[in-house]
Amino acid sequence: METTQTKSLAAFTREFSPIEGLQVAHCVQYDLEYADGGVRVLIRQTGPGGQNVFACRLRGISGEWACALVRFLYENGVEPPQAGDVLRDLCGDLAVCED
């Protein structure tokens, strides 16, 4: 069995409260991992509807810059459905997203 070594470089969690008629309570977790010689962004949204997961490898980007990107996603409340577009806008072909 093959195992992948991962190391967490950054992690942020954002809690959204329920606002009647506007949003349900949910949580979005932003993670940056070092895996297989590169960095990967993972965004997990959990709530009453289940879980939505987004993953994207960032090629040729320093760990410092990748941490700044994940912090940007967190501070702007970017959720999984929009994350791929945002990362491709910011990183171009360096973002290899699994969406």
PDB file of N, CA and C in Angstrom:
ATOM      1  N   MET A   1       0.837  -1.183   0.000  1.00  0.00           N
ATOM      2  CA  MET A   1       0.000   0.000   0.000  1.00  0.00           C
ATOM      3  C   MET A   1       0.881   1.244   0.000  1.00  0.00           C
ATOM      4  N   GLU A   2       0.558   2.197  -0.872  1.00  0.00           N
ATOM      5  CA  GLU A   2       1.327   3.428  -0.987  1.00  0.00           C
ATOM      6  C   GLU A   2       0.751   4.482  -0.038  1.00  0.00           C
ATOM      7  N   THR A   3       1.634   5.172   0.655  1.00  0.00           N
ATOM      8  CA  THR A   3       1.179   6.238   1.548  1.00  0.00           C
ATOM      9  C   THR A   3       1.764   7.564   1.078  1.00  0.00           C
ATOM     10  N   THR A   4       1.034   8.613   1.315  1.00  0.00           N
ATOM     11  CA  THR A   4       1.470   9.950   0.950  1.00  0.00           C
ATOM     12  C   THR A   4       1.792  10.711   2.218  1.00  0.00           C
ATOM     13  N   GLN A   5       2.972  11.293   2.268  1.00  0.00           N
ATOM     14  CA  GLN A   5       3.375  12.100   3.419  1.00  0.00           C
ATOM     15  C   GLN A   5       2.863  13.523   3.212  1.00  0.00           C
ATOM     16  N   THR A   6       2.100  14.026   4.167  1.00  0.00           N
ATOM     17  CA  THR A   6       1.616  15.400   4.082  1.00  0.00           C
ATOM     18  C   THR A   6       2.023  16.151   5.337  1.00  0.00           C
ATOM     19  N   LYS A   7       2.202  17.441   5.174  1.00  0.00           N
ATOM     20  CA  LYS A   7       2.541  18.314   6.285  1.00  0.00           C
ATOM     21  C   LYS A   7       1.690  19.565   6.150  1.00  0.00           C
ATOM     22  N   SER A   8       1.014  19.933   7.232  1.00  0.00           N
ATOM     23  CA  SER A   8       0.175  21.126   7.211  1.00  0.00           C
ATOM     24  C   SER A   8       1.047  22.377   7.254  1.00  0.00           C
ATOM     25  N   LEU A   9       0.793  23.298   6.324  1.00  0.00           N
ATOM     26  CA  LEU A   9       1.514  24.564   6.285  1.00  0.00           C
ATOM     27  C   LEU A   9       0.661  25.715   6.810  1.00  0.00           C
ATOM     28  N   ALA A  10      -0.663  25.593   6.682  1.00  0.00           N
ATOM     29  CA  ALA A  10      -1.580  26.629   7.158  1.00  0.00           C
ATOM     30  C   ALA A  10      -2.970  26.030   7.276  1.00  0.00           C
ATOM     31  N   ALA A  11      -3.736  26.516   8.239  1.00  0.00           N
ATOM     32  CA  ALA A  11      -5.113  26.058   8.416  1.00  0.00           C
ATOM     33  C   ALA A  11      -5.938  27.180   9.035  1.00  0.00           C
ATOM     34  N   PHE A  12      -7.095  27.411   8.448  1.00  0.00           N
ATOM     35  CA  PHE A  12      -8.031  28.420   8.942  1.00  0.00           C
ATOM     36  C   PHE A  12      -9.434  27.830   8.904  1.00  0.00           C
ATOM     37  N   THR A  13     -10.268  28.226   9.851  1.00  0.00           N
ATOM     38  CA  THR A  13     -11.654  27.775   9.876  1.00  0.00           C
ATOM     39  C   THR A  13     -12.574  28.968  10.043  1.00  0.00           C
ATOM     40  N   ARG A  14     -13.614  29.010   9.219  1.00  0.00           N
ATOM     41  CA  ARG A  14     -14.590  30.108   9.275  1.00  0.00           C
ATOM     42  C   ARG A  14     -15.970  29.513   9.541  1.00  0.00           C
ATOM     43  N   GLU A  15     -16.631  30.027  10.565  1.00  0.00           N
ATOM     44  CA  GLU A  15     -17.985  29.607  10.934  1.00  0.00           C
ATOM     45  C   GLU A  15     -18.982  30.644  10.431  1.00  0.00           C
ATOM     46  N   PHE A  16     -20.008  30.186   9.743  1.00  0.00           N
ATOM     47  CA  PHE A  16     -21.075  31.058   9.273  1.00  0.00           C
ATOM     48  C   PHE A  16     -22.335  30.745  10.076  1.00  0.00           C
ATOM     49  N   SER A  17     -22.949  31.749  10.640  1.00  0.00           N
ATOM     50  CA  SER A  17     -24.151  31.557  11.438  1.00  0.00           C
ATOM     51  C   SER A  17     -25.382  31.539  10.546  1.00  0.00           C
ATOM     52  N   PRO A  18     -26.471  30.970  11.056  1.00  0.00           N
ATOM     53  CA  PRO A  18     -27.700  30.975  10.260  1.00  0.00           C
ATOM     54  C   PRO A  18     -28.304  32.384  10.242  1.00  0.00           C
ATOM     55  N   ILE A  19     -28.737  32.794   9.070  1.00  0.00           N
ATOM     56  CA  ILE A  19     -29.450  34.062   8.921  1.00  0.00           C
ATOM     57  C   ILE A  19     -30.710  33.724   8.129  1.00  0.00           C
ATOM     58  N   GLU A  20     -31.830  33.790   8.792  1.00  0.00           N
ATOM     59  CA  GLU A  20     -33.094  33.355   8.202  1.00  0.00           C
ATOM     60  C   GLU A  20     -33.328  34.010   6.837  1.00  0.00           C
ATOM     61  N   GLY A  21     -33.597  33.160   5.874  1.00  0.00           N
ATOM     62  CA  GLY A  21     -33.866  33.623   4.529  1.00  0.00           C
ATOM     63  C   GLY A  21     -32.632  33.947   3.703  1.00  0.00           C
ATOM     64  N   LEU A  22     -31.447  33.946   4.311  1.00  0.00           N
ATOM     65  CA  LEU A  22     -30.230  34.304   3.587  1.00  0.00           C
ATOM     66  C   LEU A  22     -29.180  33.206   3.547  1.00  0.00           C
ATOM     67  N   GLN A  23     -28.936  32.531   4.683  1.00  0.00           N
ATOM     68  CA  GLN A  23     -27.933  31.468   4.692  1.00  0.00           C
ATOM     69  C   GLN A  23     -28.193  30.511   5.838  1.00  0.00           C
ATOM     70  N   VAL A  24     -27.762  29.272   5.629  1.00  0.00           N
ATOM     71  CA  VAL A  24     -27.815  28.277   6.692  1.00  0.00           C
ATOM     72  C   VAL A  24     -26.472  28.273   7.406  1.00  0.00           C
ATOM     73  N   ALA A  25     -26.466  27.790   8.628  1.00  0.00           N
ATOM     74  CA  ALA A  25     -25.208  27.679   9.363  1.00  0.00           C
ATOM     75  C   ALA A  25     -24.313  26.678   8.641  1.00  0.00           C
ATOM     76  N   HIS A  26     -23.052  27.037   8.480  1.00  0.00           N
ATOM     77  CA  HIS A  26     -22.093  26.124   7.883  1.00  0.00           C
ATOM     78  C   HIS A  26     -20.679  26.544   8.264  1.00  0.00           C
ATOM     79  N   CYS A  27     -19.751  25.671   7.977  1.00  0.00           N
ATOM     80  CA  CYS A  27     -18.347  25.888   8.322  1.00  0.00           C
ATOM     81  C   CYS A  27     -17.504  25.653   7.068  1.00  0.00           C
ATOM     82  N   VAL A  28     -16.490  26.510   6.891  1.00  0.00           N
ATOM     83  CA  VAL A  28     -15.562  26.325   5.783  1.00  0.00           C
ATOM     84  C   VAL A  28     -14.151  26.258   6.364  1.00  0.00           C
ATOM     85  N   GLN A  29     -13.447  25.182   6.033  1.00  0.00           N
ATOM     86  CA  GLN A  29     -12.080  24.984   6.511  1.00  0.00           C
ATOM     87  C   GLN A  29     -11.122  25.109   5.335  1.00  0.00           C
ATOM     88  N   TYR A  30     -10.088  25.904   5.526  1.00  0.00           N
ATOM     89  CA  TYR A  30      -9.080  26.165   4.504  1.00  0.00           C
ATOM     90  C   TYR A  30      -7.761  25.558   4.977  1.00  0.00           C
ATOM     91  N   ASP A  31      -7.197  24.655   4.182  1.00  0.00           N
ATOM     92  CA  ASP A  31      -5.944  24.000   4.542  1.00  0.00           C
ATOM     93  C   ASP A  31      -4.949  24.107   3.403  1.00  0.00           C
ATOM     94  N   LEU A  32      -3.698  24.268   3.778  1.00  0.00           N
ATOM     95  CA  LEU A  32      -2.600  24.213   2.815  1.00  0.00           C
ATOM     96  C   LEU A  32      -1.679  23.114   3.295  1.00  0.00           C
ATOM     97  N   GLU A  33      -1.416  22.153   2.408  1.00  0.00           N
ATOM     98  CA  GLU A  33      -0.579  21.012   2.758  1.00  0.00           C
ATOM     99  C   GLU A  33       0.600  20.906   1.810  1.00  0.00           C
ATOM    100  N   TYR A  34       1.711  20.445   2.353  1.00  0.00           N
ATOM    101  CA  TYR A  34       2.862  20.069   1.547  1.00  0.00           C
ATOM    102  C   TYR A  34       2.736  18.574   1.332  1.00  0.00           C
ATOM    103  N   ALA A  35       2.606  18.160   0.080  1.00  0.00           N
ATOM    104  CA  ALA A  35       2.441  16.736  -0.214  1.00  0.00           C
ATOM    105  C   ALA A  35       3.120  16.404  -1.533  1.00  0.00           C
ATOM    106  N   ASP A  36       3.848  15.308  -1.560  1.00  0.00           N
ATOM    107  CA  ASP A  36       4.479  14.818  -2.789  1.00  0.00           C
ATOM    108  C   ASP A  36       5.315  15.889  -3.488  1.00  0.00           C
ATOM    109  N   GLY A  37       6.062  16.662  -2.726  1.00  0.00           N
ATOM    110  CA  GLY A  37       6.968  17.645  -3.299  1.00  0.00           C
ATOM    111  C   GLY A  37       6.323  18.933  -3.768  1.00  0.00           C
ATOM    112  N   GLY A  38       5.063  19.140  -3.446  1.00  0.00           N
ATOM    113  CA  GLY A  38       4.380  20.370  -3.842  1.00  0.00           C
ATOM    114  C   GLY A  38       3.379  20.794  -2.791  1.00  0.00           C
ATOM    115  N   VAL A  39       2.640  21.847  -3.084  1.00  0.00           N
ATOM    116  CA  VAL A  39       1.633  22.315  -2.136  1.00  0.00           C
ATOM    117  C   VAL A  39       0.238  22.110  -2.725  1.00  0.00           C
ATOM    118  N   ARG A  40      -0.699  21.855  -1.827  1.00  0.00           N
ATOM    119  CA  ARG A  40      -2.091  21.609  -2.221  1.00  0.00           C
ATOM    120  C   ARG A  40      -3.013  22.393  -1.309  1.00  0.00           C
ATOM    121  N   VAL A  41      -3.962  23.077  -1.914  1.00  0.00           N
ATOM    122  CA  VAL A  41      -5.007  23.795  -1.187  1.00  0.00           C
ATOM    123  C   VAL A  41      -6.217  22.874  -1.083  1.00  0.00           C
ATOM    124  N   LEU A  42      -6.755  22.748   0.123  1.00  0.00           N
ATOM    125  CA  LEU A  42      -7.989  21.997   0.350  1.00  0.00           C
ATOM    126  C   LEU A  42      -8.986  22.918   1.030  1.00  0.00           C
ATOM    127  N   ILE A  43     -10.199  22.958   0.514  1.00  0.00           N
ATOM    128  CA  ILE A  43     -11.259  23.743   1.142  1.00  0.00           C
ATOM    129  C   ILE A  43     -12.441  22.800   1.344  1.00  0.00           C
ATOM    130  N   ARG A  44     -12.890  22.702   2.590  1.00  0.00           N
ATOM    131  CA  ARG A  44     -14.013  21.823   2.937  1.00  0.00           C
ATOM    132  C   ARG A  44     -15.140  22.672   3.520  1.00  0.00           C
ATOM    133  N   GLN A  45     -16.313  22.564   2.923  1.00  0.00           N
ATOM    134  CA  GLN A  45     -17.494  23.240   3.444  1.00  0.00           C
ATOM    135  C   GLN A  45     -18.420  22.176   4.006  1.00  0.00           C
ATOM    136  N   THR A  46     -18.803  22.315   5.266  1.00  0.00           N
ATOM    137  CA  THR A  46     -19.717  21.367   5.882  1.00  0.00           C
ATOM    138  C   THR A  46     -20.925  22.111   6.419  1.00  0.00           C
ATOM    139  N   GLY A  47     -22.054  21.451   6.353  1.00  0.00           N
ATOM    140  CA  GLY A  47     -23.292  22.047   6.845  1.00  0.00           C
ATOM    141  C   GLY A  47     -24.420  21.044   6.716  1.00  0.00           C
ATOM    142  N   PRO A  48     -25.649  21.515   6.826  1.00  0.00           N
ATOM    143  CA  PRO A  48     -26.803  20.612   6.786  1.00  0.00           C
ATOM    144  C   PRO A  48     -26.893  19.806   5.491  1.00  0.00           C
ATOM    145  N   GLY A  49     -26.380  20.315   4.401  1.00  0.00           N
ATOM    146  CA  GLY A  49     -26.453  19.618   3.117  1.00  0.00           C
ATOM    147  C   GLY A  49     -25.333  18.626   2.897  1.00  0.00           C
ATOM    148  N   GLY A  50     -24.468  18.423   3.881  1.00  0.00           N
ATOM    149  CA  GLY A  50     -23.350  17.506   3.732  1.00  0.00           C
ATOM    150  C   GLY A  50     -22.033  18.241   3.610  1.00  0.00           C
ATOM    151  N   GLN A  51     -21.150  17.693   2.801  1.00  0.00           N
ATOM    152  CA  GLN A  51     -19.810  18.256   2.667  1.00  0.00           C
ATOM    153  C   GLN A  51     -19.501  18.532   1.194  1.00  0.00           C
ATOM    154  N   ASN A  52     -18.853  19.654   0.939  1.00  0.00           N
ATOM    155  CA  ASN A  52     -18.380  20.024  -0.392  1.00  0.00           C
ATOM    156  C   ASN A  52     -16.870  20.236  -0.266  1.00  0.00           C
ATOM    157  N   VAL A  53     -16.091  19.545  -1.088  1.00  0.00           N
ATOM    158  CA  VAL A  53     -14.634  19.606  -0.985  1.00  0.00           C
ATOM    159  C   VAL A  53     -14.031  20.092  -2.296  1.00  0.00           C
ATOM    160  N   PHE A  54     -13.038  20.958  -2.183  1.00  0.00           N
ATOM    161  CA  PHE A  54     -12.293  21.473  -3.326  1.00  0.00           C
ATOM    162  C   PHE A  54     -10.818  21.221  -3.066  1.00  0.00           C
ATOM    163  N   ALA A  55     -10.079  20.798  -4.100  1.00  0.00           N
ATOM    164  CA  ALA A  55      -8.637  20.579  -3.970  1.00  0.00           C
ATOM    165  C   ALA A  55      -7.932  21.150  -5.197  1.00  0.00           C
ATOM    166  N   CYS A  56      -6.750  21.727  -4.963  1.00  0.00           N
ATOM    167  CA  CYS A  56      -5.989  22.320  -6.058  1.00  0.00           C
ATOM    168  C   CYS A  56      -4.507  22.259  -5.723  1.00  0.00           C
ATOM    169  N   ARG A  57      -3.709  21.741  -6.644  1.00  0.00           N
ATOM    170  CA  ARG A  57      -2.256  21.749  -6.493  1.00  0.00           C
ATOM    171  C   ARG A  57      -1.721  23.044  -7.085  1.00  0.00           C
ATOM    172  N   LEU A  58      -0.747  23.612  -6.395  1.00  0.00           N
ATOM    173  CA  LEU A  58      -0.104  24.832  -6.869  1.00  0.00           C
ATOM    174  C   LEU A  58       1.329  24.491  -7.258  1.00  0.00           C
ATOM    175  N   ARG A  59       1.648  24.614  -8.527  1.00  0.00           N
ATOM    176  CA  ARG A  59       2.977  24.258  -9.033  1.00  0.00           C
ATOM    177  C   ARG A  59       3.860  25.496  -9.083  1.00  0.00           C
ATOM    178  N   GLY A  60       5.118  25.343  -8.682  1.00  0.00           N
ATOM    179  CA  GLY A  60       6.095  26.415  -8.829  1.00  0.00           C
ATOM    180  C   GLY A  60       5.823  27.632  -7.968  1.00  0.00           C
ATOM    181  N   ILE A  61       5.091  27.461  -6.891  1.00  0.00           N
ATOM    182  CA  ILE A  61       4.756  28.569  -5.995  1.00  0.00           C
ATOM    183  C   ILE A  61       5.399  28.294  -4.642  1.00  0.00           C
ATOM    184  N   SER A  62       6.029  29.303  -4.064  1.00  0.00           N
ATOM    185  CA  SER A  62       6.681  29.122  -2.763  1.00  0.00           C
ATOM    186  C   SER A  62       5.639  28.863  -1.678  1.00  0.00           C
ATOM    187  N   GLY A  63       6.069  28.211  -0.623  1.00  0.00           N
ATOM    188  CA  GLY A  63       5.185  27.971   0.520  1.00  0.00           C
ATOM    189  C   GLY A  63       4.666  29.269   1.112  1.00  0.00           C
ATOM    190  N   GLU A  64       5.504  30.289   1.137  1.00  0.00           N
ATOM    191  CA  GLU A  64       5.103  31.586   1.694  1.00  0.00           C
ATOM    192  C   GLU A  64       3.969  32.208   0.872  1.00  0.00           C
ATOM    193  N   TRP A  65       4.126  32.190  -0.463  1.00  0.00           N
ATOM    194  CA  TRP A  65       3.092  32.754  -1.336  1.00  0.00           C
ATOM    195  C   TRP A  65       1.814  31.922  -1.247  1.00  0.00           C
ATOM    196  N   ALA A  66       1.951  30.589  -1.187  1.00  0.00           N
ATOM    197  CA  ALA A  66       0.787  29.714  -1.076  1.00  0.00           C
ATOM    198  C   ALA A  66       0.039  29.981   0.228  1.00  0.00           C
ATOM    199  N   CYS A  67       0.768  30.205   1.329  1.00  0.00           N
ATOM    200  CA  CYS A  67       0.120  30.546   2.606  1.00  0.00           C
ATOM    201  C   CYS A  67      -0.660  31.844   2.480  1.00  0.00           C
ATOM    202  N   ALA A  68      -0.100  32.821   1.774  1.00  0.00           N
ATOM    203  CA  ALA A  68      -0.794  34.090   1.566  1.00  0.00           C
ATOM    204  C   ALA A  68      -2.070  33.872   0.754  1.00  0.00           C
ATOM    205  N   LEU A  69      -2.020  32.994  -0.246  1.00  0.00           N
ATOM    206  CA  LEU A  69      -3.214  32.705  -1.042  1.00  0.00           C
ATOM    207  C   LEU A  69      -4.316  32.085  -0.197  1.00  0.00           C
ATOM    208  N   VAL A  70      -3.955  31.127   0.649  1.00  0.00           N
ATOM    209  CA  VAL A  70      -4.959  30.475   1.496  1.00  0.00           C
ATOM    210  C   VAL A  70      -5.547  31.480   2.492  1.00  0.00           C
ATOM    211  N   ARG A  71      -4.713  32.324   3.029  1.00  0.00           N
ATOM    212  CA  ARG A  71      -5.212  33.371   3.938  1.00  0.00           C
ATOM    213  C   ARG A  71      -6.172  34.305   3.200  1.00  0.00           C
ATOM    214  N   PHE A  72      -5.856  34.654   1.962  1.00  0.00           N
ATOM    215  CA  PHE A  72      -6.729  35.486   1.139  1.00  0.00           C
ATOM    216  C   PHE A  72      -8.088  34.810   0.941  1.00  0.00           C
ATOM    217  N   LEU A  73      -8.067  33.506   0.601  1.00  0.00           N
ATOM    218  CA  LEU A  73      -9.316  32.770   0.414  1.00  0.00           C
ATOM    219  C   LEU A  73     -10.151  32.788   1.695  1.00  0.00           C
ATOM    220  N   TYR A  74      -9.499  32.554   2.825  1.00  0.00           N
ATOM    221  CA  TYR A  74     -10.166  32.551   4.131  1.00  0.00           C
ATOM    222  C   TYR A  74     -10.753  33.926   4.459  1.00  0.00           C
ATOM    223  N   GLU A  75      -9.945  34.967   4.347  1.00  0.00           N
ATOM    224  CA  GLU A  75     -10.393  36.307   4.740  1.00  0.00           C
ATOM    225  C   GLU A  75     -11.514  36.826   3.847  1.00  0.00           C
ATOM    226  N   ASN A  76     -11.606  36.298   2.623  1.00  0.00           N
ATOM    227  CA  ASN A  76     -12.659  36.733   1.709  1.00  0.00           C
ATOM    228  C   ASN A  76     -13.821  35.750   1.641  1.00  0.00           C
ATOM    229  N   GLY A  77     -13.786  34.726   2.481  1.00  0.00           N
ATOM    230  CA  GLY A  77     -14.899  33.780   2.564  1.00  0.00           C
ATOM    231  C   GLY A  77     -15.173  33.037   1.264  1.00  0.00           C
ATOM    232  N   VAL A  78     -14.115  32.761   0.491  1.00  0.00           N
ATOM    233  CA  VAL A  78     -14.287  32.036  -0.770  1.00  0.00           C
ATOM    234  C   VAL A  78     -14.643  30.586  -0.451  1.00  0.00           C
ATOM    235  N   GLU A  79     -15.752  30.122  -1.019  1.00  0.00           N
ATOM    236  CA  GLU A  79     -16.220  28.766  -0.752  1.00  0.00           C
ATOM    237  C   GLU A  79     -15.864  27.858  -1.922  1.00  0.00           C
ATOM    238  N   PRO A  80     -15.939  26.540  -1.733  1.00  0.00           N
ATOM    239  CA  PRO A  80     -15.471  25.591  -2.755  1.00  0.00           C
ATOM    240  C   PRO A  80     -15.950  25.856  -4.186  1.00  0.00           C
ATOM    241  N   PRO A  81     -17.214  26.187  -4.432  1.00  0.00           N
ATOM    242  CA  PRO A  81     -17.621  26.367  -5.829  1.00  0.00           C
ATOM    243  C   PRO A  81     -16.894  27.498  -6.571  1.00  0.00           C
ATOM    244  N   GLN A  82     -16.404  28.501  -5.858  1.00  0.00           N
ATOM    245  CA  GLN A  82     -15.725  29.632  -6.483  1.00  0.00           C
ATOM    246  C   GLN A  82     -14.201  29.538  -6.417  1.00  0.00           C
ATOM    247  N   ALA A  83     -13.674  28.665  -5.585  1.00  0.00           N
ATOM    248  CA  ALA A  83     -12.234  28.626  -5.310  1.00  0.00           C
ATOM    249  C   ALA A  83     -11.395  28.357  -6.558  1.00  0.00           C
ATOM    250  N   GLY A  84     -11.822  27.462  -7.426  1.00  0.00           N
ATOM    251  CA  GLY A  84     -11.053  27.159  -8.624  1.00  0.00           C
ATOM    252  C   GLY A  84     -10.889  28.376  -9.520  1.00  0.00           C
ATOM    253  N   ASP A  85     -11.989  29.105  -9.740  1.00  0.00           N
ATOM    254  CA  ASP A  85     -11.918  30.307 -10.577  1.00  0.00           C
ATOM    255  C   ASP A  85     -10.990  31.346  -9.960  1.00  0.00           C
ATOM    256  N   VAL A  86     -11.084  31.528  -8.649  1.00  0.00           N
ATOM    257  CA  VAL A  86     -10.257  32.529  -7.968  1.00  0.00           C
ATOM    258  C   VAL A  86      -8.779  32.153  -8.085  1.00  0.00           C
ATOM    259  N   LEU A  87      -8.441  30.891  -7.808  1.00  0.00           N
ATOM    260  CA  LEU A  87      -7.038  30.470  -7.875  1.00  0.00           C
ATOM    261  C   LEU A  87      -6.495  30.523  -9.304  1.00  0.00           C
ATOM    262  N   ARG A  88      -7.313  30.164 -10.283  1.00  0.00           N
ATOM    263  CA  ARG A  88      -6.847  30.256 -11.680  1.00  0.00           C
ATOM    264  C   ARG A  88      -6.649  31.722 -12.085  1.00  0.00           C
ATOM    265  N   ASP A  89      -7.506  32.628 -11.592  1.00  0.00           N
ATOM    266  CA  ASP A  89      -7.318  34.054 -11.878  1.00  0.00           C
ATOM    267  C   ASP A  89      -6.013  34.565 -11.269  1.00  0.00           C
ATOM    268  N   LEU A  90      -5.701  34.112 -10.053  1.00  0.00           N
ATOM    269  CA  LEU A  90      -4.509  34.592  -9.350  1.00  0.00           C
ATOM    270  C   LEU A  90      -3.224  33.901  -9.795  1.00  0.00           C
ATOM    271  N   CYS A  91      -3.309  32.618 -10.155  1.00  0.00           N
ATOM    272  CA  CYS A  91      -2.100  31.823 -10.414  1.00  0.00           C
ATOM    273  C   CYS A  91      -1.970  31.326 -11.851  1.00  0.00           C
ATOM    274  N   GLY A  92      -2.986  31.487 -12.651  1.00  0.00           N
ATOM    275  CA  GLY A  92      -2.937  31.007 -14.031  1.00  0.00           C
ATOM    276  C   GLY A  92      -2.729  29.507 -14.098  1.00  0.00           C
ATOM    277  N   ASP A  93      -1.843  29.077 -14.996  1.00  0.00           N
ATOM    278  CA  ASP A  93      -1.588  27.652 -15.223  1.00  0.00           C
ATOM    279  C   ASP A  93      -0.878  26.974 -14.062  1.00  0.00           C
ATOM    280  N   LEU A  94      -0.415  27.738 -13.090  1.00  0.00           N
ATOM    281  CA  LEU A  94       0.257  27.157 -11.927  1.00  0.00           C
ATOM    282  C   LEU A  94      -0.733  26.472 -10.986  1.00  0.00           C
ATOM    283  N   ALA A  95      -2.024  26.795 -11.132  1.00  0.00           N
ATOM    284  CA  ALA A  95      -3.079  26.180 -10.321  1.00  0.00           C
ATOM    285  C   ALA A  95      -3.685  25.025 -11.107  1.00  0.00           C
ATOM    286  N   VAL A  96      -3.505  23.821 -10.584  1.00  0.00           N
ATOM    287  CA  VAL A  96      -4.065  22.620 -11.210  1.00  0.00           C
ATOM    288  C   VAL A  96      -5.167  22.129 -10.296  1.00  0.00           C
ATOM    289  N   CYS A  97      -6.398  22.537 -10.608  1.00  0.00           N
ATOM    290  CA  CYS A  97      -7.529  22.293  -9.721  1.00  0.00           C
ATOM    291  C   CYS A  97      -8.276  21.019 -10.112  1.00  0.00           C
ATOM    292  N   GLU A  98      -8.823  20.382  -9.095  1.00  0.00           N
ATOM    293  CA  GLU A  98      -9.579  19.137  -9.280  1.00  0.00           C
ATOM    294  C   GLU A  98     -11.072  19.442  -9.217  1.00  0.00           C
ATOM    295  N   ASP A  99     -11.550  20.279 -10.126  1.00  0.00           N
ATOM    296  CA  ASP A  99     -12.978  20.613 -10.075  1.00  0.00           C
ATOM    297  C   ASP A  99     -13.691  20.314 -11.354  1.00  0.00           C
TER     298      ASP A  99
END
